[in-house]
Amino acid sequence: MKSEIYKLAKKYFEETVRIRRKIHENPETGFDVYETASLVVKELSNTDFEVREGVGKTGVVFDLTVPGASRRVALRADMDALNMQEMGDNPYKSKVDGKAHMCGHDCHTSILITVGKILNDIKEKLTVNVRLIFQPCEETLPGGAVGMIEDGAINEVDEIYGLHVWTDYRVGSIGLKAGAFMAQPDSFEITVKGKGGHAAMPHLTNDPIIAGCSLVQSLNTIVSRNIDPVKDAVLSVTQFNSGTSDNIIPEFAKIIGTVRTFDSDTKDIITNRMDTVLKGISETYDVSCDMVYLDGYPVNFNDNELTEKFVGIADSIIGEENINFPVPPFMGAEDFGYYSRKIPSCFFLIGCGNPEKNIIHSVHDPLFDVDEDFMLHGVALMAGIVLLNK
């Protein structure tokens, strides 16, 4: 069976690369993935999949009904790029200024297109119905998965699988764990309001920069001094913006950051402590500290039974030695977590790194790229999930 799956993946490999490079050269962000969605529809137009467009605004859903099958398995890919500049010099570099596929969603989409073609070729061997979900806007809150679910993308689906490229793993390997796998990525924005004035007369001001610096230091001790060391949590301040001139003490300072957690109890400890810190800073420096706290994607939770089943399938395709399982929880985030709250789900990281080719830069890095050979394994694994599903 392994040789058959790889034979089919190799048959379409050059086509998979072609599609990936076309998407990579023409990145679209957020929900504005119209051309990408049209390309997906065109590529699968000669199959027996029934297509539904405009799902969750610009998503596309394909269904393949297998006679006699009672269950439906879904595979999901995200289509959106990032609002950032690509700095590499590969021949398929982004042609759109300020937009680039620096997170590998072009690979996810091209892999799933190829999987659709393969499953259509071998549909007489399938024992489950198939749904392919092409989703927009994974990168931006509230996440495109919300609208996809509202529009019925996982109705009548029994289990769903997804993957994400990862350069820390070499081509041909994967990593995952059962249970809470990827964190909930909340964000916060704190406005420190003081009293501005001339920099030569600081005694007449209530300096929001001084207060803000103290606030940043205090925030950075919350996890280390309030969370049990065996718990996984992160609080990171990522922006501090204030002032307009060297001779003016400003009235405002704005502090922005993220909180990453895996359970509500840990999150509550952090947010309660943040409130206490804000009150203390306000009183100490005679300023006001107002926080807007936004909940991020839910924890990406891998169903225990489904994960064990997938690991067994992966073992028969890429071999046990290429499966990193279980790996530690991962502080990154994915709106695939919305699916995992509704139905049994399994999400895994797939290796696309290759130091010999200098494929070492992480996702969201302006020099990020993949060793395209990994897509052969991605196609084989995703097709195998359906073909070997019992």
Protein backbone atom coordinates (compact mmCIF):
# COMPACT_ATOMS: atom_id res chain seq x y z
CA MET A 1 0.00 0.00 0.00
CA LYS A 2 2.89 2.38 0.83
CA SER A 3 4.42 1.93 -2.62
CA GLU A 4 1.03 2.50 -4.27
CA ILE A 5 0.44 5.77 -2.39
CA TYR A 6 3.89 7.09 -3.20
CA LYS A 7 3.55 6.02 -6.81
CA LEU A 8 0.41 8.13 -7.10
CA ALA A 9 2.06 11.06 -5.27
CA LYS A 10 5.05 10.90 -7.63
CA LYS A 11 2.74 10.81 -10.64
CA TYR A 12 1.40 14.25 -9.68
CA PHE A 13 4.57 15.66 -8.07
CA GLU A 14 5.63 18.05 -10.86
CA GLU A 15 2.05 19.29 -11.07
CA THR A 16 1.97 19.81 -7.29
CA VAL A 17 5.13 21.92 -7.50
CA ARG A 18 3.73 23.91 -10.42
CA ILE A 19 0.55 24.74 -8.52
CA ARG A 20 2.47 25.63 -5.35
CA ARG A 21 4.75 28.04 -7.23
CA LYS A 22 1.85 29.69 -9.01
CA ILE A 23 0.09 30.32 -5.70
CA HIS A 24 3.37 31.45 -4.13
CA GLU A 25 3.95 34.04 -6.85
CA ASN A 26 0.44 35.43 -6.46
CA PRO A 27 -0.27 35.62 -2.72
CA GLU A 28 -3.61 36.79 -1.35
CA THR A 29 -4.35 37.63 2.27
CA GLY A 30 -7.25 37.37 4.68
CA PHE A 31 -10.59 36.65 3.05
CA ASP A 32 -9.43 38.13 -0.27
CA VAL A 33 -8.31 34.79 -1.70
CA TYR A 34 -10.50 34.97 -4.80
CA GLU A 35 -7.87 33.97 -7.37
CA THR A 36 -6.51 31.21 -5.18
CA ALA A 37 -10.00 29.79 -4.63
CA SER A 38 -10.69 29.99 -8.38
CA LEU A 39 -7.48 28.10 -9.08
CA VAL A 40 -8.53 25.37 -6.64
CA VAL A 41 -11.91 25.01 -8.34
CA LYS A 42 -10.29 24.89 -11.78
CA GLU A 43 -7.74 22.26 -10.76
CA LEU A 44 -10.42 19.92 -9.39
CA SER A 45 -13.03 20.63 -12.06
CA ASN A 46 -12.40 17.34 -13.87
CA THR A 47 -13.05 15.19 -10.81
CA ASP A 48 -16.24 13.68 -9.40
CA PHE A 49 -16.11 15.95 -6.36
CA GLU A 50 -19.16 18.15 -5.85
CA VAL A 51 -18.05 21.73 -5.22
CA ARG A 52 -19.54 24.46 -3.05
CA GLU A 53 -18.00 27.92 -3.37
CA GLY A 54 -18.32 31.01 -1.18
CA VAL A 55 -18.23 29.01 2.05
CA GLY A 56 -17.18 31.21 4.96
CA LYS A 57 -17.02 34.12 2.47
CA THR A 58 -14.32 32.80 0.10
CA GLY A 59 -13.73 29.20 1.12
CA VAL A 60 -14.36 26.18 -1.08
CA VAL A 61 -15.66 22.75 -0.03
CA PHE A 62 -15.51 19.60 -2.15
CA ASP A 63 -17.43 16.37 -1.43
CA LEU A 64 -16.81 12.92 -2.83
CA THR A 65 -19.56 10.44 -2.04
CA VAL A 66 -18.51 6.80 -1.90
CA PRO A 67 -21.29 4.23 -2.44
CA GLY A 68 -22.05 2.34 0.74
CA ALA A 69 -19.87 4.54 2.96
CA SER A 70 -21.39 5.65 6.26
CA ARG A 71 -18.65 7.98 7.55
CA ARG A 72 -17.12 11.18 6.19
CA VAL A 73 -13.49 12.20 6.63
CA ALA A 74 -12.45 15.83 6.06
CA LEU A 75 -9.04 17.20 5.12
CA ARG A 76 -8.40 20.93 5.52
CA ALA A 77 -5.95 23.38 3.93
CA ASP A 78 -5.63 27.14 4.43
CA MET A 79 -5.15 29.45 1.44
CA ASP A 80 -4.12 32.87 2.79
CA ALA A 81 -0.69 34.51 2.79
CA LEU A 82 0.90 37.02 5.19
CA ASN A 83 1.17 40.79 5.00
CA MET A 84 4.96 40.86 4.82
CA GLN A 85 7.77 41.20 2.31
CA GLU A 86 9.57 38.16 0.97
CA MET A 87 13.36 38.65 1.03
CA GLY A 88 14.58 35.47 -0.68
CA ASP A 89 15.71 35.25 -4.29
CA ASN A 90 14.04 32.08 -5.53
CA PRO A 91 12.61 32.12 -9.09
CA TYR A 92 9.02 31.87 -7.81
CA LYS A 93 9.29 34.80 -5.40
CA SER A 94 6.12 36.75 -4.58
CA LYS A 95 5.11 39.21 -7.30
CA VAL A 96 2.91 41.20 -4.90
CA ASP A 97 4.62 43.88 -2.86
CA GLY A 98 4.02 43.47 0.87
CA LYS A 99 2.36 40.06 0.61
CA ALA A 100 4.01 36.65 0.71
CA HIS A 101 3.41 32.99 1.53
CA MET A 102 5.90 32.94 4.40
CA CYS A 103 3.84 30.39 6.33
CA GLY A 104 3.51 27.62 3.77
CA HIS A 105 -0.20 27.83 3.07
CA ASP A 106 0.61 27.68 -0.64
CA CYS A 107 2.03 24.22 0.05
CA HIS A 108 -0.98 23.16 2.10
CA THR A 109 -3.33 24.15 -0.71
CA SER A 110 -1.35 22.51 -3.51
CA ILE A 111 -0.99 19.31 -1.46
CA LEU A 112 -4.74 19.08 -0.88
CA ILE A 113 -5.49 19.74 -4.55
CA THR A 114 -3.24 16.83 -5.48
CA VAL A 115 -4.83 14.63 -2.81
CA GLY A 116 -8.22 15.36 -4.36
CA LYS A 117 -6.99 14.22 -7.78
CA ILE A 118 -5.49 11.04 -6.34
CA LEU A 119 -8.58 10.14 -4.34
CA ASN A 120 -10.69 10.68 -7.43
CA ASP A 121 -8.41 8.29 -9.34
CA ILE A 122 -8.81 5.55 -6.72
CA LYS A 123 -12.36 6.27 -5.53
CA GLU A 124 -13.40 2.66 -6.06
CA LYS A 125 -10.95 1.66 -3.29
CA LEU A 126 -12.29 4.13 -0.72
CA THR A 127 -14.49 3.08 2.19
CA VAL A 128 -15.31 6.57 3.54
CA ASN A 129 -16.84 9.68 2.07
CA VAL A 130 -14.38 12.55 1.59
CA ARG A 131 -14.58 16.28 2.17
CA LEU A 132 -11.83 18.69 1.14
CA ILE A 133 -11.94 22.05 2.92
CA PHE A 134 -10.03 25.02 1.47
CA GLN A 135 -10.22 27.82 4.02
CA PRO A 136 -9.40 31.56 3.87
CA CYS A 137 -8.02 33.83 6.59
CA GLU A 138 -6.23 31.51 8.97
CA GLU A 139 -3.66 34.17 9.86
CA THR A 140 -5.98 36.89 11.17
CA LEU A 141 -8.46 36.91 14.05
CA PRO A 142 -11.18 35.78 14.37
CA GLY A 143 -9.95 33.19 11.85
CA GLY A 144 -11.62 31.88 8.72
CA ALA A 145 -12.54 28.59 10.38
CA VAL A 146 -15.36 30.34 12.24
CA GLY A 147 -17.22 31.26 9.06
CA MET A 148 -16.51 27.90 7.47
CA ILE A 149 -18.14 26.14 10.42
CA GLU A 150 -21.11 28.53 10.39
CA ASP A 151 -21.62 27.77 6.70
CA GLY A 152 -21.68 24.03 7.32
CA ALA A 153 -18.16 23.03 6.29
CA ILE A 154 -18.00 20.27 8.90
CA ASN A 155 -21.66 19.27 8.94
CA GLU A 156 -21.94 15.47 8.70
CA VAL A 157 -18.14 15.15 9.08
CA ASP A 158 -16.98 12.44 11.52
CA GLU A 159 -13.30 13.40 11.75
CA ILE A 160 -11.00 16.09 10.36
CA TYR A 161 -7.25 16.31 9.73
CA GLY A 162 -4.87 19.16 8.97
CA LEU A 163 -1.14 19.74 8.57
CA HIS A 164 1.36 22.60 8.78
CA VAL A 165 4.85 22.92 7.33
CA TRP A 166 7.71 23.05 9.85
CA THR A 167 11.37 23.64 9.01
CA ASP A 168 12.60 22.33 12.39
CA TYR A 169 11.72 18.86 11.08
CA ARG A 170 13.54 17.44 8.10
CA VAL A 171 11.79 16.38 4.92
CA GLY A 172 10.07 13.04 5.41
CA SER A 173 9.31 13.46 9.12
CA ILE A 174 6.36 14.71 11.15
CA GLY A 175 5.64 15.79 14.72
CA LEU A 176 2.50 15.77 16.86
CA LYS A 177 0.98 14.89 20.21
CA ALA A 178 -2.41 13.87 21.52
CA GLY A 179 -4.40 16.30 23.63
CA ALA A 180 -3.61 20.02 23.82
CA PHE A 181 -1.10 20.54 21.02
CA MET A 182 -1.11 24.24 20.11
CA ALA A 183 -1.85 27.13 22.46
CA GLN A 184 -4.61 29.72 22.67
CA PRO A 185 -3.02 32.98 21.40
CA ASP A 186 -4.68 35.89 23.23
CA SER A 187 -3.58 39.48 22.65
CA PHE A 188 -3.62 42.58 24.81
CA GLU A 189 -3.26 46.32 24.29
CA ILE A 190 -2.61 48.58 27.26
CA THR A 191 -2.87 52.37 27.10
CA VAL A 192 -0.93 54.19 29.79
CA LYS A 193 -2.20 57.76 30.13
CA GLY A 194 -0.22 60.29 32.14
CA LYS A 195 0.40 63.99 31.95
CA GLY A 196 2.71 65.28 29.28
CA GLY A 197 4.97 68.29 29.31
CA HIS A 198 8.42 69.72 28.58
CA ALA A 199 11.26 67.22 28.91
CA ALA A 200 13.25 69.86 30.82
CA MET A 201 10.58 69.96 33.54
CA PRO A 202 9.71 66.30 34.25
CA HIS A 203 8.58 67.13 37.78
CA LEU A 204 5.50 68.77 36.28
CA THR A 205 4.50 65.61 34.39
CA ASN A 206 3.24 62.12 35.10
CA ASP A 207 5.55 60.29 32.71
CA PRO A 208 3.80 57.38 30.91
CA ILE A 209 7.13 56.09 29.60
CA ILE A 210 8.56 55.58 33.08
CA ALA A 211 5.30 53.96 34.16
CA GLY A 212 5.23 51.85 31.00
CA CYS A 213 8.79 50.60 31.50
CA SER A 214 7.93 49.51 35.03
CA LEU A 215 4.77 47.90 33.70
CA VAL A 216 6.68 45.88 31.10
CA GLN A 217 9.08 44.60 33.75
CA SER A 218 6.22 43.62 36.03
CA LEU A 219 4.30 41.87 33.24
CA ASN A 220 7.37 39.82 32.41
CA THR A 221 7.46 38.36 35.93
CA ILE A 222 3.86 37.11 35.94
CA VAL A 223 4.53 33.73 34.35
CA SER A 224 7.85 33.11 36.12
CA ARG A 225 6.50 34.00 39.58
CA ASN A 226 2.80 33.11 39.44
CA ILE A 227 2.46 30.04 37.20
CA ASP A 228 3.44 26.56 38.30
CA PRO A 229 6.74 25.77 36.49
CA VAL A 230 5.30 22.49 35.14
CA LYS A 231 2.57 24.44 33.36
CA ASP A 232 3.07 25.81 29.85
CA ALA A 233 2.44 29.54 29.47
CA VAL A 234 3.94 32.60 27.79
CA LEU A 235 3.40 36.33 28.22
CA SER A 236 5.38 38.45 25.77
CA VAL A 237 5.35 42.22 25.31
CA THR A 238 5.92 42.83 21.62
CA GLN A 239 5.35 46.56 21.13
CA PHE A 240 6.01 49.72 23.14
CA ASN A 241 5.05 52.93 21.37
CA SER A 242 5.20 56.44 22.82
CA GLY A 243 6.41 59.95 22.15
CA THR A 244 7.02 62.19 19.16
CA SER A 245 10.03 64.35 20.04
CA ASP A 246 13.22 64.42 22.09
CA ASN A 247 12.05 67.40 24.14
CA ILE A 248 8.49 66.34 24.95
CA ILE A 249 7.33 63.94 27.62
CA PRO A 250 4.27 62.38 26.00
CA GLU A 251 0.83 61.96 27.43
CA PHE A 252 0.36 58.36 26.27
CA ALA A 253 2.23 55.10 25.94
CA LYS A 254 0.84 52.02 24.24
CA ILE A 255 1.98 48.50 25.14
CA ILE A 256 0.95 45.47 23.08
CA GLY A 257 1.63 41.79 23.55
CA THR A 258 0.41 38.22 23.61
CA VAL A 259 -0.55 35.59 26.19
CA ARG A 260 -0.30 31.90 25.28
CA THR A 261 -1.94 29.22 27.42
CA PHE A 262 -3.34 25.69 27.23
CA ASP A 263 -6.04 25.81 29.91
CA SER A 264 -8.50 28.30 31.36
CA ASP A 265 -7.16 28.10 34.92
CA THR A 266 -3.69 29.22 33.85
CA LYS A 267 -5.16 31.96 31.70
CA ASP A 268 -7.28 33.22 34.62
CA ILE A 269 -4.24 33.44 36.90
CA ILE A 270 -2.37 35.49 34.30
CA THR A 271 -5.21 37.88 33.49
CA ASN A 272 -6.09 38.42 37.15
CA ARG A 273 -2.47 39.15 37.90
CA MET A 274 -2.30 41.56 34.96
CA ASP A 275 -5.24 43.50 36.41
CA THR A 276 -3.48 43.69 39.79
CA VAL A 277 -0.26 44.91 38.19
CA LEU A 278 -2.12 47.59 36.22
CA LYS A 279 -3.76 48.91 39.37
CA GLY A 280 -0.42 49.02 41.17
CA ILE A 281 1.31 50.88 38.34
CA SER A 282 -1.56 53.35 38.13
CA GLU A 283 -1.30 54.17 41.84
CA THR A 284 2.49 54.25 41.97
CA TYR A 285 2.99 56.58 39.00
CA ASP A 286 -0.30 58.51 39.13
CA VAL A 287 -1.33 57.38 35.65
CA SER A 288 -4.24 55.41 34.25
CA CYS A 289 -3.75 51.99 32.67
CA ASP A 290 -6.56 50.72 30.46
CA MET A 291 -6.33 47.25 28.90
CA VAL A 292 -8.19 45.69 25.99
CA TYR A 293 -7.81 41.92 26.13
CA LEU A 294 -8.82 39.79 23.14
CA ASP A 295 -9.29 36.03 23.24
CA GLY A 296 -7.47 34.27 20.42
CA TYR A 297 -8.04 30.96 18.68
CA PRO A 298 -9.02 28.10 21.00
CA VAL A 299 -6.46 25.48 21.98
CA ASN A 300 -5.77 23.13 19.09
CA PHE A 301 -6.73 19.80 20.65
CA ASN A 302 -5.85 16.47 19.06
CA ASP A 303 -8.38 13.74 19.83
CA ASN A 304 -6.59 10.87 21.58
CA GLU A 305 -8.14 8.02 19.61
CA LEU A 306 -7.87 9.82 16.28
CA THR A 307 -4.24 10.73 16.90
CA GLU A 308 -3.33 7.15 17.68
CA LYS A 309 -5.08 6.07 14.48
CA PHE A 310 -3.20 8.65 12.43
CA VAL A 311 0.15 7.65 13.94
CA GLY A 312 -0.58 4.09 12.86
CA ILE A 313 -1.37 5.25 9.32
CA ALA A 314 1.74 7.42 9.22
CA ASP A 315 3.86 4.50 10.45
CA SER A 316 2.79 2.43 7.44
CA ILE A 317 3.64 5.29 5.07
CA ILE A 318 6.76 7.10 6.34
CA GLY A 319 7.96 4.66 9.00
CA GLU A 320 8.09 4.88 12.80
CA GLU A 321 11.60 6.37 12.74
CA ASN A 322 10.25 9.49 11.01
CA ILE A 323 7.44 10.14 13.48
CA ASN A 324 8.15 12.45 16.41
CA PHE A 325 5.43 11.40 18.85
CA PRO A 326 4.62 12.66 21.32
CA VAL A 327 6.30 16.05 21.07
CA PRO A 328 6.02 18.80 23.71
CA PRO A 329 3.07 21.22 23.49
CA PHE A 330 3.67 23.96 20.95
CA MET A 331 3.14 27.65 21.76
CA GLY A 332 2.21 28.48 18.19
CA ALA A 333 -1.47 28.78 17.32
CA GLU A 334 -3.84 27.68 14.56
CA ASP A 335 -7.51 28.39 13.97
CA PHE A 336 -7.86 24.66 13.25
CA GLY A 337 -8.61 24.69 16.99
CA TYR A 338 -12.16 25.76 16.14
CA TYR A 339 -12.70 22.49 14.28
CA SER A 340 -11.21 20.51 17.17
CA ARG A 341 -13.86 21.98 19.50
CA LYS A 342 -16.64 20.56 17.32
CA ILE A 343 -15.53 17.14 16.05
CA PRO A 344 -12.66 14.67 16.59
CA SER A 345 -9.58 16.24 15.03
CA CYS A 346 -5.91 15.56 14.39
CA PHE A 347 -3.36 18.20 13.39
CA PHE A 348 0.32 17.53 12.70
CA LEU A 349 3.50 19.37 11.76
CA ILE A 350 5.25 18.10 8.63
CA GLY A 351 8.96 18.53 8.05
CA CYS A 352 10.01 20.73 5.14
CA GLY A 353 13.50 21.66 6.36
CA ASN A 354 16.78 20.76 4.69
CA PRO A 355 20.00 22.36 6.03
CA GLU A 356 21.94 21.12 2.99
CA LYS A 357 19.74 23.37 0.83
CA ASN A 358 19.76 26.17 3.45
CA ILE A 359 16.07 25.53 4.13
CA ILE A 360 16.38 26.50 7.79
CA HIS A 361 14.34 29.68 8.24
CA SER A 362 11.18 29.40 10.31
CA VAL A 363 7.66 30.29 9.24
CA HIS A 364 6.95 34.06 9.26
CA ASP A 365 10.63 34.72 8.52
CA PRO A 366 11.17 36.85 5.35
CA LEU A 367 13.62 34.19 4.14
CA PHE A 368 11.30 31.24 4.80
CA ASP A 369 11.10 28.58 2.11
CA VAL A 370 10.52 24.83 1.88
CA ASP A 371 12.28 21.89 0.30
CA GLU A 372 9.52 21.05 -2.15
CA ASP A 373 10.36 17.35 -1.92
CA PHE A 374 8.41 17.36 1.36
CA MET A 375 5.16 17.74 -0.57
CA LEU A 376 5.56 14.18 -1.83
CA HIS A 377 5.25 12.98 1.76
CA GLY A 378 2.48 15.46 2.55
CA VAL A 379 0.39 14.17 -0.33
CA ALA A 380 1.08 10.55 0.62
CA LEU A 381 0.09 11.11 4.25
CA MET A 382 -3.10 13.05 3.52
CA ALA A 383 -4.20 10.59 0.86
CA GLY A 384 -3.29 7.73 3.18
CA ILE A 385 -5.53 9.13 5.90
CA VAL A 386 -8.50 8.51 3.62
CA LEU A 387 -7.32 5.39 1.81
CA LEU A 388 -6.28 3.56 4.99
CA ASN A 389 -9.07 4.89 7.20
CA LYS A 390 -10.93 2.15 9.04
